[in-house]
PDB file of N, CA and C in Angstrom:
ATOM      1  N   UNK A   1      49.632 -13.867 -26.211  1.00  0.00           N
ATOM      2  CA  UNK A   1      49.804 -13.452 -27.589  1.00  0.00           C
ATOM      3  C   UNK A   1      50.889 -14.252 -28.275  1.00  0.00           C
ATOM      4  N   UNK A   2      51.990 -14.400 -27.569  1.00  0.00           N
ATOM      5  CA  UNK A   2      53.116 -15.189 -28.113  1.00  0.00           C
ATOM      6  C   UNK A   2      52.691 -16.617 -28.385  1.00  0.00           C
ATOM      7  N   UNK A   3      51.864 -17.181 -27.498  1.00  0.00           N
ATOM      8  CA  UNK A   3      51.390 -18.566 -27.672  1.00  0.00           C
ATOM      9  C   UNK A   3      50.570 -18.664 -28.951  1.00  0.00           C
ATOM     10  N   UNK A   4      49.732 -17.700 -29.232  1.00  0.00           N
ATOM     11  CA  UNK A   4      48.918 -17.720 -30.470  1.00  0.00           C
ATOM     12  C   UNK A   4      49.786 -17.634 -31.713  1.00  0.00           C
ATOM     13  N   UNK A   5      50.767 -16.805 -31.670  1.00  0.00           N
ATOM     14  CA  UNK A   5      51.686 -16.665 -32.813  1.00  0.00           C
ATOM     15  C   UNK A   5      52.454 -17.977 -33.046  1.00  0.00           C
ATOM     16  N   UNK A   6      52.932 -18.578 -31.954  1.00  0.00           N
ATOM     17  CA  UNK A   6      53.651 -19.864 -32.078  1.00  0.00           C
ATOM     18  C   UNK A   6      52.729 -20.942 -32.616  1.00  0.00           C
ATOM     19  N   UNK A   7      51.490 -20.988 -32.157  1.00  0.00           N
ATOM     20  CA  UNK A   7      50.528 -21.977 -32.630  1.00  0.00           C
ATOM     21  C   UNK A   7      50.342 -21.845 -34.141  1.00  0.00           C
ATOM     22  N   UNK A   8      50.172 -20.591 -34.596  1.00  0.00           N
ATOM     23  CA  UNK A   8      49.985 -20.336 -36.015  1.00  0.00           C
ATOM     24  C   UNK A   8      51.195 -20.776 -36.828  1.00  0.00           C
ATOM     25  N   UNK A   9      52.381 -20.479 -36.354  1.00  0.00           N
ATOM     26  CA  UNK A   9      53.602 -20.807 -37.076  1.00  0.00           C
ATOM     27  C   UNK A   9      53.840 -22.304 -37.112  1.00  0.00           C
ATOM     28  N   UNK A  10      53.525 -23.002 -36.050  1.00  0.00           N
ATOM     29  CA  UNK A  10      53.820 -24.429 -35.957  1.00  0.00           C
ATOM     30  C   UNK A  10      52.755 -25.254 -36.682  1.00  0.00           C
ATOM     31  N   UNK A  11      51.485 -24.990 -36.457  1.00  0.00           N
ATOM     32  CA  UNK A  11      50.427 -25.826 -37.004  1.00  0.00           C
ATOM     33  C   UNK A  11      49.606 -25.217 -38.092  1.00  0.00           C
ATOM     34  N   UNK A  12      49.784 -23.955 -38.311  1.00  0.00           N
ATOM     35  CA  UNK A  12      48.975 -23.289 -39.308  1.00  0.00           C
ATOM     36  C   UNK A  12      47.698 -22.712 -38.723  1.00  0.00           C
ATOM     37  N   UNK A  13      47.167 -23.314 -37.661  1.00  0.00           N
ATOM     38  CA  UNK A  13      45.963 -22.844 -36.953  1.00  0.00           C
ATOM     39  C   UNK A  13      44.908 -22.307 -37.885  1.00  0.00           C
ATOM     40  N   UNK A  14      44.691 -22.924 -38.977  1.00  0.00           N
ATOM     41  CA  UNK A  14      43.673 -22.472 -39.897  1.00  0.00           C
ATOM     42  C   UNK A  14      42.598 -23.533 -40.020  1.00  0.00           C
ATOM     43  N   UNK A  15      41.479 -23.135 -40.556  1.00  0.00           N
ATOM     44  CA  UNK A  15      40.395 -24.060 -40.759  1.00  0.00           C
ATOM     45  C   UNK A  15      40.698 -24.939 -41.975  1.00  0.00           C
ATOM     46  N   UNK A  16      40.164 -26.159 -41.984  1.00  0.00           N
ATOM     47  CA  UNK A  16      40.379 -27.003 -43.161  1.00  0.00           C
ATOM     48  C   UNK A  16      39.746 -26.411 -44.398  1.00  0.00           C
ATOM     49  N   UNK A  17      40.340 -26.700 -45.568  1.00  0.00           N
ATOM     50  CA  UNK A  17      39.826 -26.201 -46.839  1.00  0.00           C
ATOM     51  C   UNK A  17      38.692 -27.060 -47.360  1.00  0.00           C
ATOM     52  N   UNK A  18      38.758 -28.361 -47.047  1.00  0.00           N
ATOM     53  CA  UNK A  18      37.848 -29.334 -47.616  1.00  0.00           C
ATOM     54  C   UNK A  18      37.428 -30.335 -46.547  1.00  0.00           C
ATOM     55  N   UNK A  19      36.189 -30.764 -46.635  1.00  0.00           N
ATOM     56  CA  UNK A  19      35.705 -31.854 -45.808  1.00  0.00           C
ATOM     57  C   UNK A  19      34.943 -32.816 -46.718  1.00  0.00           C
ATOM     58  N   UNK A  20      35.152 -34.111 -46.567  1.00  0.00           N
ATOM     59  CA  UNK A  20      34.495 -35.065 -47.418  1.00  0.00           C
ATOM     60  C   UNK A  20      34.841 -36.494 -47.047  1.00  0.00           C
ATOM     61  N   UNK A  21      34.492 -37.415 -47.932  1.00  0.00           N
ATOM     62  CA  UNK A  21      34.730 -38.819 -47.728  1.00  0.00           C
ATOM     63  C   UNK A  21      35.744 -39.346 -48.737  1.00  0.00           C
ATOM     64  N   UNK A  22      36.675 -40.155 -48.303  1.00  0.00           N
ATOM     65  CA  UNK A  22      37.653 -40.776 -49.207  1.00  0.00           C
ATOM     66  C   UNK A  22      36.929 -41.865 -49.979  1.00  0.00           C
ATOM     67  N   UNK A  23      37.002 -41.766 -51.315  1.00  0.00           N
ATOM     68  CA  UNK A  23      36.379 -42.777 -52.171  1.00  0.00           C
ATOM     69  C   UNK A  23      37.432 -43.670 -52.861  1.00  0.00           C
ATOM     70  N   UNK A  24      38.657 -43.216 -52.975  1.00  0.00           N
ATOM     71  CA  UNK A  24      39.742 -44.016 -53.539  1.00  0.00           C
ATOM     72  C   UNK A  24      41.033 -43.666 -52.815  1.00  0.00           C
ATOM     73  N   UNK A  25      41.889 -44.665 -52.603  1.00  0.00           N
ATOM     74  CA  UNK A  25      43.217 -44.465 -52.020  1.00  0.00           C
ATOM     75  C   UNK A  25      44.247 -45.010 -52.988  1.00  0.00           C
ATOM     76  N   UNK A  26      45.197 -44.188 -53.381  1.00  0.00           N
ATOM     77  CA  UNK A  26      46.292 -44.614 -54.267  1.00  0.00           C
ATOM     78  C   UNK A  26      47.607 -44.338 -53.549  1.00  0.00           C
ATOM     79  N   UNK A  27      48.716 -44.695 -54.194  1.00  0.00           N
ATOM     80  CA  UNK A  27      50.041 -44.593 -53.537  1.00  0.00           C
ATOM     81  C   UNK A  27      50.377 -43.190 -53.055  1.00  0.00           C
ATOM     82  N   UNK A  28      50.096 -42.196 -53.863  1.00  0.00           N
ATOM     83  CA  UNK A  28      50.511 -40.852 -53.486  1.00  0.00           C
ATOM     84  C   UNK A  28      49.366 -39.838 -53.569  1.00  0.00           C
ATOM     85  N   UNK A  29      48.131 -40.315 -53.557  1.00  0.00           N
ATOM     86  CA  UNK A  29      46.977 -39.415 -53.568  1.00  0.00           C
ATOM     87  C   UNK A  29      45.714 -40.118 -53.137  1.00  0.00           C
ATOM     88  N   UNK A  30      44.745 -39.334 -52.730  1.00  0.00           N
ATOM     89  CA  UNK A  30      43.419 -39.851 -52.369  1.00  0.00           C
ATOM     90  C   UNK A  30      42.371 -39.093 -53.171  1.00  0.00           C
ATOM     91  N   UNK A  31      41.278 -39.742 -53.483  1.00  0.00           N
ATOM     92  CA  UNK A  31      40.175 -39.116 -54.153  1.00  0.00           C
ATOM     93  C   UNK A  31      39.072 -38.886 -53.094  1.00  0.00           C
ATOM     94  N   UNK A  32      38.675 -37.622 -52.940  1.00  0.00           N
ATOM     95  CA  UNK A  32      37.678 -37.273 -51.931  1.00  0.00           C
ATOM     96  C   UNK A  32      36.433 -36.719 -52.592  1.00  0.00           C
ATOM     97  N   UNK A  33      35.269 -37.195 -52.124  1.00  0.00           N
ATOM     98  CA  UNK A  33      33.980 -36.668 -52.547  1.00  0.00           C
ATOM     99  C   UNK A  33      33.602 -35.598 -51.539  1.00  0.00           C
ATOM    100  N   UNK A  34      33.468 -34.376 -52.014  1.00  0.00           N
ATOM    101  CA  UNK A  34      33.255 -33.233 -51.095  1.00  0.00           C
ATOM    102  C   UNK A  34      31.814 -33.035 -50.684  1.00  0.00           C
ATOM    103  N   UNK A  35      30.864 -33.514 -51.471  1.00  0.00           N
ATOM    104  CA  UNK A  35      29.477 -33.162 -51.146  1.00  0.00           C
ATOM    105  C   UNK A  35      28.655 -34.361 -50.685  1.00  0.00           C
ATOM    106  N   UNK A  36      29.272 -35.268 -49.948  1.00  0.00           N
ATOM    107  CA  UNK A  36      28.535 -36.366 -49.307  1.00  0.00           C
ATOM    108  C   UNK A  36      28.206 -35.914 -47.883  1.00  0.00           C
ATOM    109  N   UNK A  37      26.977 -36.174 -47.478  1.00  0.00           N
ATOM    110  CA  UNK A  37      26.527 -35.720 -46.158  1.00  0.00           C
ATOM    111  C   UNK A  37      26.665 -36.745 -45.043  1.00  0.00           C
ATOM    112  N   UNK A  38      26.826 -38.014 -45.397  1.00  0.00           N
ATOM    113  CA  UNK A  38      26.828 -39.041 -44.371  1.00  0.00           C
ATOM    114  C   UNK A  38      27.557 -40.289 -44.880  1.00  0.00           C
ATOM    115  N   UNK A  39      27.822 -41.189 -43.952  1.00  0.00           N
ATOM    116  CA  UNK A  39      28.393 -42.472 -44.332  1.00  0.00           C
ATOM    117  C   UNK A  39      27.446 -43.252 -45.187  1.00  0.00           C
ATOM    118  N   UNK A  40      26.150 -43.073 -44.962  1.00  0.00           N
ATOM    119  CA  UNK A  40      25.135 -43.751 -45.805  1.00  0.00           C
ATOM    120  C   UNK A  40      25.246 -43.298 -47.258  1.00  0.00           C
ATOM    121  N   UNK A  41      25.491 -41.987 -47.490  1.00  0.00           N
ATOM    122  CA  UNK A  41      25.706 -41.506 -48.840  1.00  0.00           C
ATOM    123  C   UNK A  41      26.932 -42.165 -49.468  1.00  0.00           C
ATOM    124  N   UNK A  42      28.000 -42.303 -48.670  1.00  0.00           N
ATOM    125  CA  UNK A  42      29.203 -42.932 -49.190  1.00  0.00           C
ATOM    126  C   UNK A  42      28.923 -44.373 -49.606  1.00  0.00           C
ATOM    127  N   UNK A  43      28.191 -45.126 -48.762  1.00  0.00           N
ATOM    128  CA  UNK A  43      27.889 -46.525 -49.066  1.00  0.00           C
ATOM    129  C   UNK A  43      27.105 -46.674 -50.384  1.00  0.00           C
ATOM    130  N   UNK A  44      26.309 -45.695 -50.708  1.00  0.00           N
ATOM    131  CA  UNK A  44      25.542 -45.750 -51.963  1.00  0.00           C
ATOM    132  C   UNK A  44      26.410 -45.586 -53.185  1.00  0.00           C
ATOM    133  N   UNK A  45      27.530 -44.896 -53.071  1.00  0.00           N
ATOM    134  CA  UNK A  45      28.352 -44.609 -54.265  1.00  0.00           C
ATOM    135  C   UNK A  45      29.687 -45.300 -54.279  1.00  0.00           C
ATOM    136  N   UNK A  46      30.044 -46.041 -53.252  1.00  0.00           N
ATOM    137  CA  UNK A  46      31.412 -46.517 -53.102  1.00  0.00           C
ATOM    138  C   UNK A  46      31.902 -47.433 -54.237  1.00  0.00           C
ATOM    139  N   UNK A  47      30.999 -48.120 -54.908  1.00  0.00           N
ATOM    140  CA  UNK A  47      31.409 -49.036 -55.979  1.00  0.00           C
ATOM    141  C   UNK A  47      31.231 -48.471 -57.376  1.00  0.00           C
ATOM    142  N   UNK A  48      30.859 -47.200 -57.444  1.00  0.00           N
ATOM    143  CA  UNK A  48      30.628 -46.563 -58.735  1.00  0.00           C
ATOM    144  C   UNK A  48      31.959 -45.979 -59.237  1.00  0.00           C
ATOM    145  N   UNK A  49      32.282 -46.180 -60.516  1.00  0.00           N
ATOM    146  CA  UNK A  49      33.513 -45.591 -61.077  1.00  0.00           C
ATOM    147  C   UNK A  49      33.498 -44.065 -60.941  1.00  0.00           C
ATOM    148  N   UNK A  50      34.672 -43.463 -60.819  1.00  0.00           N
ATOM    149  CA  UNK A  50      34.789 -42.018 -60.592  1.00  0.00           C
ATOM    150  C   UNK A  50      34.108 -41.212 -61.700  1.00  0.00           C
ATOM    151  N   UNK A  51      34.200 -41.668 -62.969  1.00  0.00           N
ATOM    152  CA  UNK A  51      33.565 -40.952 -64.052  1.00  0.00           C
ATOM    153  C   UNK A  51      32.038 -40.858 -63.857  1.00  0.00           C
ATOM    154  N   UNK A  52      31.456 -41.953 -63.420  1.00  0.00           N
ATOM    155  CA  UNK A  52      30.007 -41.964 -63.127  1.00  0.00           C
ATOM    156  C   UNK A  52      29.677 -41.078 -61.931  1.00  0.00           C
ATOM    157  N   UNK A  53      30.550 -41.057 -60.921  1.00  0.00           N
ATOM    158  CA  UNK A  53      30.321 -40.205 -59.760  1.00  0.00           C
ATOM    159  C   UNK A  53      30.196 -38.762 -60.223  1.00  0.00           C
ATOM    160  N   UNK A  54      31.127 -38.342 -61.111  1.00  0.00           N
ATOM    161  CA  UNK A  54      31.102 -36.956 -61.621  1.00  0.00           C
ATOM    162  C   UNK A  54      29.816 -36.688 -62.370  1.00  0.00           C
ATOM    163  N   UNK A  55      29.359 -37.624 -63.199  1.00  0.00           N
ATOM    164  CA  UNK A  55      28.156 -37.446 -63.980  1.00  0.00           C
ATOM    165  C   UNK A  55      26.924 -37.365 -63.077  1.00  0.00           C
ATOM    166  N   UNK A  56      26.998 -37.965 -61.890  1.00  0.00           N
ATOM    167  CA  UNK A  56      25.881 -37.924 -60.955  1.00  0.00           C
ATOM    168  C   UNK A  56      25.947 -36.707 -60.032  1.00  0.00           C
ATOM    169  N   UNK A  57      26.840 -35.771 -60.334  1.00  0.00           N
ATOM    170  CA  UNK A  57      26.865 -34.498 -59.605  1.00  0.00           C
ATOM    171  C   UNK A  57      27.762 -34.473 -58.385  1.00  0.00           C
ATOM    172  N   UNK A  58      28.574 -35.501 -58.153  1.00  0.00           N
ATOM    173  CA  UNK A  58      29.465 -35.459 -57.014  1.00  0.00           C
ATOM    174  C   UNK A  58      30.662 -34.555 -57.298  1.00  0.00           C
ATOM    175  N   UNK A  59      31.050 -33.796 -56.315  1.00  0.00           N
ATOM    176  CA  UNK A  59      32.205 -32.917 -56.408  1.00  0.00           C
ATOM    177  C   UNK A  59      33.430 -33.698 -55.902  1.00  0.00           C
ATOM    178  N   UNK A  60      34.337 -34.032 -56.833  1.00  0.00           N
ATOM    179  CA  UNK A  60      35.484 -34.861 -56.509  1.00  0.00           C
ATOM    180  C   UNK A  60      36.775 -34.052 -56.572  1.00  0.00           C
ATOM    181  N   UNK A  61      37.727 -34.441 -55.758  1.00  0.00           N
ATOM    182  CA  UNK A  61      39.059 -33.815 -55.806  1.00  0.00           C
ATOM    183  C   UNK A  61      40.117 -34.851 -55.490  1.00  0.00           C
ATOM    184  N   UNK A  62      41.158 -34.916 -56.331  1.00  0.00           N
ATOM    185  CA  UNK A  62      42.325 -35.719 -56.059  1.00  0.00           C
ATOM    186  C   UNK A  62      43.278 -34.874 -55.213  1.00  0.00           C
ATOM    187  N   UNK A  63      43.736 -35.443 -54.093  1.00  0.00           N
ATOM    188  CA  UNK A  63      44.638 -34.739 -53.201  1.00  0.00           C
ATOM    189  C   UNK A  63      45.952 -35.483 -53.093  1.00  0.00           C
ATOM    190  N   UNK A  64      47.019 -34.846 -53.595  1.00  0.00           N
ATOM    191  CA  UNK A  64      48.328 -35.426 -53.469  1.00  0.00           C
ATOM    192  C   UNK A  64      48.797 -35.366 -52.020  1.00  0.00           C
ATOM    193  N   UNK A  65      49.349 -36.482 -51.543  1.00  0.00           N
ATOM    194  CA  UNK A  65      49.796 -36.528 -50.146  1.00  0.00           C
ATOM    195  C   UNK A  65      50.938 -37.511 -50.020  1.00  0.00           C
ATOM    196  N   UNK A  66      51.883 -37.222 -49.180  1.00  0.00           N
ATOM    197  CA  UNK A  66      53.108 -38.023 -49.112  1.00  0.00           C
ATOM    198  C   UNK A  66      52.900 -39.426 -48.529  1.00  0.00           C
ATOM    199  N   UNK A  67      51.951 -39.620 -47.613  1.00  0.00           N
ATOM    200  CA  UNK A  67      51.762 -40.935 -46.989  1.00  0.00           C
ATOM    201  C   UNK A  67      50.283 -41.263 -46.919  1.00  0.00           C
ATOM    202  N   UNK A  68      49.785 -42.012 -47.912  1.00  0.00           N
ATOM    203  CA  UNK A  68      48.386 -42.360 -47.932  1.00  0.00           C
ATOM    204  C   UNK A  68      48.093 -43.721 -47.298  1.00  0.00           C
ATOM    205  N   UNK A  69      49.118 -44.386 -46.817  1.00  0.00           N
ATOM    206  CA  UNK A  69      48.960 -45.752 -46.292  1.00  0.00           C
ATOM    207  C   UNK A  69      48.021 -45.848 -45.097  1.00  0.00           C
ATOM    208  N   UNK A  70      47.842 -44.765 -44.366  1.00  0.00           N
ATOM    209  CA  UNK A  70      46.979 -44.815 -43.162  1.00  0.00           C
ATOM    210  C   UNK A  70      45.514 -44.523 -43.458  1.00  0.00           C
ATOM    211  N   UNK A  71      45.208 -44.229 -44.718  1.00  0.00           N
ATOM    212  CA  UNK A  71      43.836 -43.902 -45.068  1.00  0.00           C
ATOM    213  C   UNK A  71      43.109 -45.093 -45.667  1.00  0.00           C
ATOM    214  N   UNK A  72      41.774 -45.107 -45.466  1.00  0.00           N
ATOM    215  CA  UNK A  72      40.933 -46.153 -45.992  1.00  0.00           C
ATOM    216  C   UNK A  72      39.717 -45.523 -46.676  1.00  0.00           C
ATOM    217  N   UNK A  73      39.252 -46.191 -47.697  1.00  0.00           N
ATOM    218  CA  UNK A  73      38.032 -45.707 -48.347  1.00  0.00           C
ATOM    219  C   UNK A  73      36.884 -45.689 -47.360  1.00  0.00           C
ATOM    220  N   UNK A  74      36.074 -44.629 -47.420  1.00  0.00           N
ATOM    221  CA  UNK A  74      34.955 -44.493 -46.522  1.00  0.00           C
ATOM    222  C   UNK A  74      35.206 -43.619 -45.301  1.00  0.00           C
ATOM    223  N   UNK A  75      36.474 -43.243 -45.083  1.00  0.00           N
ATOM    224  CA  UNK A  75      36.758 -42.377 -43.932  1.00  0.00           C
ATOM    225  C   UNK A  75      36.363 -40.943 -44.261  1.00  0.00           C
ATOM    226  N   UNK A  76      35.768 -40.267 -43.264  1.00  0.00           N
ATOM    227  CA  UNK A  76      35.475 -38.857 -43.395  1.00  0.00           C
ATOM    228  C   UNK A  76      36.714 -38.086 -42.993  1.00  0.00           C
ATOM    229  N   UNK A  77      37.081 -37.101 -43.802  1.00  0.00           N
ATOM    230  CA  UNK A  77      38.332 -36.389 -43.554  1.00  0.00           C
ATOM    231  C   UNK A  77      38.137 -34.862 -43.655  1.00  0.00           C
ATOM    232  N   UNK A  78      39.037 -34.178 -42.984  1.00  0.00           N
ATOM    233  CA  UNK A  78      39.215 -32.722 -43.154  1.00  0.00           C
ATOM    234  C   UNK A  78      40.571 -32.561 -43.812  1.00  0.00           C
ATOM    235  N   UNK A  79      40.655 -31.648 -44.762  1.00  0.00           N
ATOM    236  CA  UNK A  79      41.854 -31.476 -45.525  1.00  0.00           C
ATOM    237  C   UNK A  79      42.284 -30.001 -45.554  1.00  0.00           C
ATOM    238  N   UNK A  80      43.550 -29.761 -45.311  1.00  0.00           N
ATOM    239  CA  UNK A  80      44.152 -28.449 -45.471  1.00  0.00           C
ATOM    240  C   UNK A  80      44.965 -28.477 -46.761  1.00  0.00           C
ATOM    241  N   UNK A  81      44.602 -27.636 -47.698  1.00  0.00           N
ATOM    242  CA  UNK A  81      45.247 -27.621 -49.024  1.00  0.00           C
ATOM    243  C   UNK A  81      46.488 -26.760 -48.970  1.00  0.00           C
ATOM    244  N   UNK A  82      47.528 -27.238 -49.629  1.00  0.00           N
ATOM    245  CA  UNK A  82      48.798 -26.503 -49.734  1.00  0.00           C
ATOM    246  C   UNK A  82      48.847 -25.844 -51.122  1.00  0.00           C
ATOM    247  N   UNK A  83      48.561 -24.542 -51.154  1.00  0.00           N
ATOM    248  CA  UNK A  83      48.544 -23.822 -52.426  1.00  0.00           C
ATOM    249  C   UNK A  83      47.130 -23.798 -53.029  1.00  0.00           C
ATOM    250  N   UNK A  84      47.082 -23.739 -54.322  1.00  0.00           N
ATOM    251  CA  UNK A  84      45.782 -23.603 -54.999  1.00  0.00           C
ATOM    252  C   UNK A  84      45.197 -24.940 -55.399  1.00  0.00           C
ATOM    253  N   UNK A  85      43.994 -24.851 -55.953  1.00  0.00           N
ATOM    254  CA  UNK A  85      43.280 -26.058 -56.427  1.00  0.00           C
ATOM    255  C   UNK A  85      43.179 -25.951 -57.953  1.00  0.00           C
ATOM    256  N   UNK A  86      43.674 -27.002 -58.627  1.00  0.00           N
ATOM    257  CA  UNK A  86      43.596 -27.082 -60.081  1.00  0.00           C
ATOM    258  C   UNK A  86      42.169 -27.390 -60.457  1.00  0.00           C
ATOM    259  N   UNK A  87      41.581 -26.596 -61.313  1.00  0.00           N
ATOM    260  CA  UNK A  87      40.168 -26.731 -61.635  1.00  0.00           C
ATOM    261  C   UNK A  87      39.936 -27.737 -62.769  1.00  0.00           C
ATOM    262  N   UNK A  88      40.640 -28.840 -62.747  1.00  0.00           N
ATOM    263  CA  UNK A  88      40.448 -29.915 -63.755  1.00  0.00           C
ATOM    264  C   UNK A  88      39.220 -30.718 -63.333  1.00  0.00           C
ATOM    265  N   UNK A  89      38.970 -31.808 -63.991  1.00  0.00           N
ATOM    266  CA  UNK A  89      37.814 -32.644 -63.663  1.00  0.00           C
ATOM    267  C   UNK A  89      38.294 -34.095 -63.530  1.00  0.00           C
ATOM    268  N   UNK A  90      38.408 -34.631 -62.328  1.00  0.00           N
ATOM    269  CA  UNK A  90      38.123 -33.948 -61.052  1.00  0.00           C
ATOM    270  C   UNK A  90      39.222 -32.960 -60.699  1.00  0.00           C
ATOM    271  N   UNK A  91      38.885 -32.082 -59.746  1.00  0.00           N
ATOM    272  CA  UNK A  91      39.847 -31.102 -59.287  1.00  0.00           C
ATOM    273  C   UNK A  91      41.075 -31.825 -58.717  1.00  0.00           C
ATOM    274  N   UNK A  92      42.213 -31.087 -58.617  1.00  0.00           N
ATOM    275  CA  UNK A  92      43.433 -31.648 -58.070  1.00  0.00           C
ATOM    276  C   UNK A  92      44.109 -30.606 -57.190  1.00  0.00           C
ATOM    277  N   UNK A  93      44.718 -31.041 -56.118  1.00  0.00           N
ATOM    278  CA  UNK A  93      45.456 -30.152 -55.222  1.00  0.00           C
ATOM    279  C   UNK A  93      46.470 -30.985 -54.408  1.00  0.00           C
ATOM    280  N   UNK A  94      47.387 -30.271 -53.777  1.00  0.00           N
ATOM    281  CA  UNK A  94      48.316 -30.907 -52.823  1.00  0.00           C
ATOM    282  C   UNK A  94      47.745 -30.680 -51.446  1.00  0.00           C
ATOM    283  N   UNK A  95      47.745 -31.730 -50.628  1.00  0.00           N
ATOM    284  CA  UNK A  95      47.252 -31.607 -49.272  1.00  0.00           C
ATOM    285  C   UNK A  95      48.432 -31.369 -48.307  1.00  0.00           C
ATOM    286  N   UNK A  96      48.312 -30.362 -47.506  1.00  0.00           N
ATOM    287  CA  UNK A  96      49.304 -30.078 -46.486  1.00  0.00           C
ATOM    288  C   UNK A  96      49.060 -31.015 -45.291  1.00  0.00           C
ATOM    289  N   UNK A  97      47.777 -31.259 -44.999  1.00  0.00           N
ATOM    290  CA  UNK A  97      47.413 -32.076 -43.857  1.00  0.00           C
ATOM    291  C   UNK A  97      46.049 -32.730 -44.148  1.00  0.00           C
ATOM    292  N   UNK A  98      45.935 -33.990 -43.798  1.00  0.00           N
ATOM    293  CA  UNK A  98      44.647 -34.685 -43.904  1.00  0.00           C
ATOM    294  C   UNK A  98      44.380 -35.348 -42.540  1.00  0.00           C
ATOM    295  N   UNK A  99      43.243 -35.012 -41.972  1.00  0.00           N
ATOM    296  CA  UNK A  99      42.872 -35.520 -40.658  1.00  0.00           C
ATOM    297  C   UNK A  99      41.591 -36.353 -40.768  1.00  0.00           C
ATOM    298  N   UNK A 100      41.597 -37.573 -40.250  1.00  0.00           N
ATOM    299  CA  UNK A 100      40.403 -38.395 -40.219  1.00  0.00           C
ATOM    300  C   UNK A 100      39.499 -37.920 -39.119  1.00  0.00           C
ATOM    301  N   UNK A 101      38.213 -37.746 -39.444  1.00  0.00           N
ATOM    302  CA  UNK A 101      37.201 -37.359 -38.447  1.00  0.00           C
ATOM    303  C   UNK A 101      36.527 -38.613 -37.948  1.00  0.00           C
ATOM    304  N   UNK A 102      36.559 -38.812 -36.671  1.00  0.00           N
ATOM    305  CA  UNK A 102      35.933 -40.006 -36.074  1.00  0.00           C
ATOM    306  C   UNK A 102      34.452 -39.824 -35.894  1.00  0.00           C
TER     307      UNK A 102
END
């Protein structure tokens, strides 16, 4: 029981809030498309401007993160959100943790 409590306190032990593909990487944030089902779907939209992606029905979210240098466009990620999600267009949130899915 103590081990479970420590795990929760140290890592959060929660499920990710968001899963998707990185479509843009900037200095302090990444743009993630939440409703892509495969790398093939990502390849179809990777060169489309974000405004057009939104018009084509993609669900996008900008995620603020302290170190985006290790991320690349096209990577599938799981994201743990820190706090709430701003319902702007595209949505915006702060990421507590971003994990690349291999």
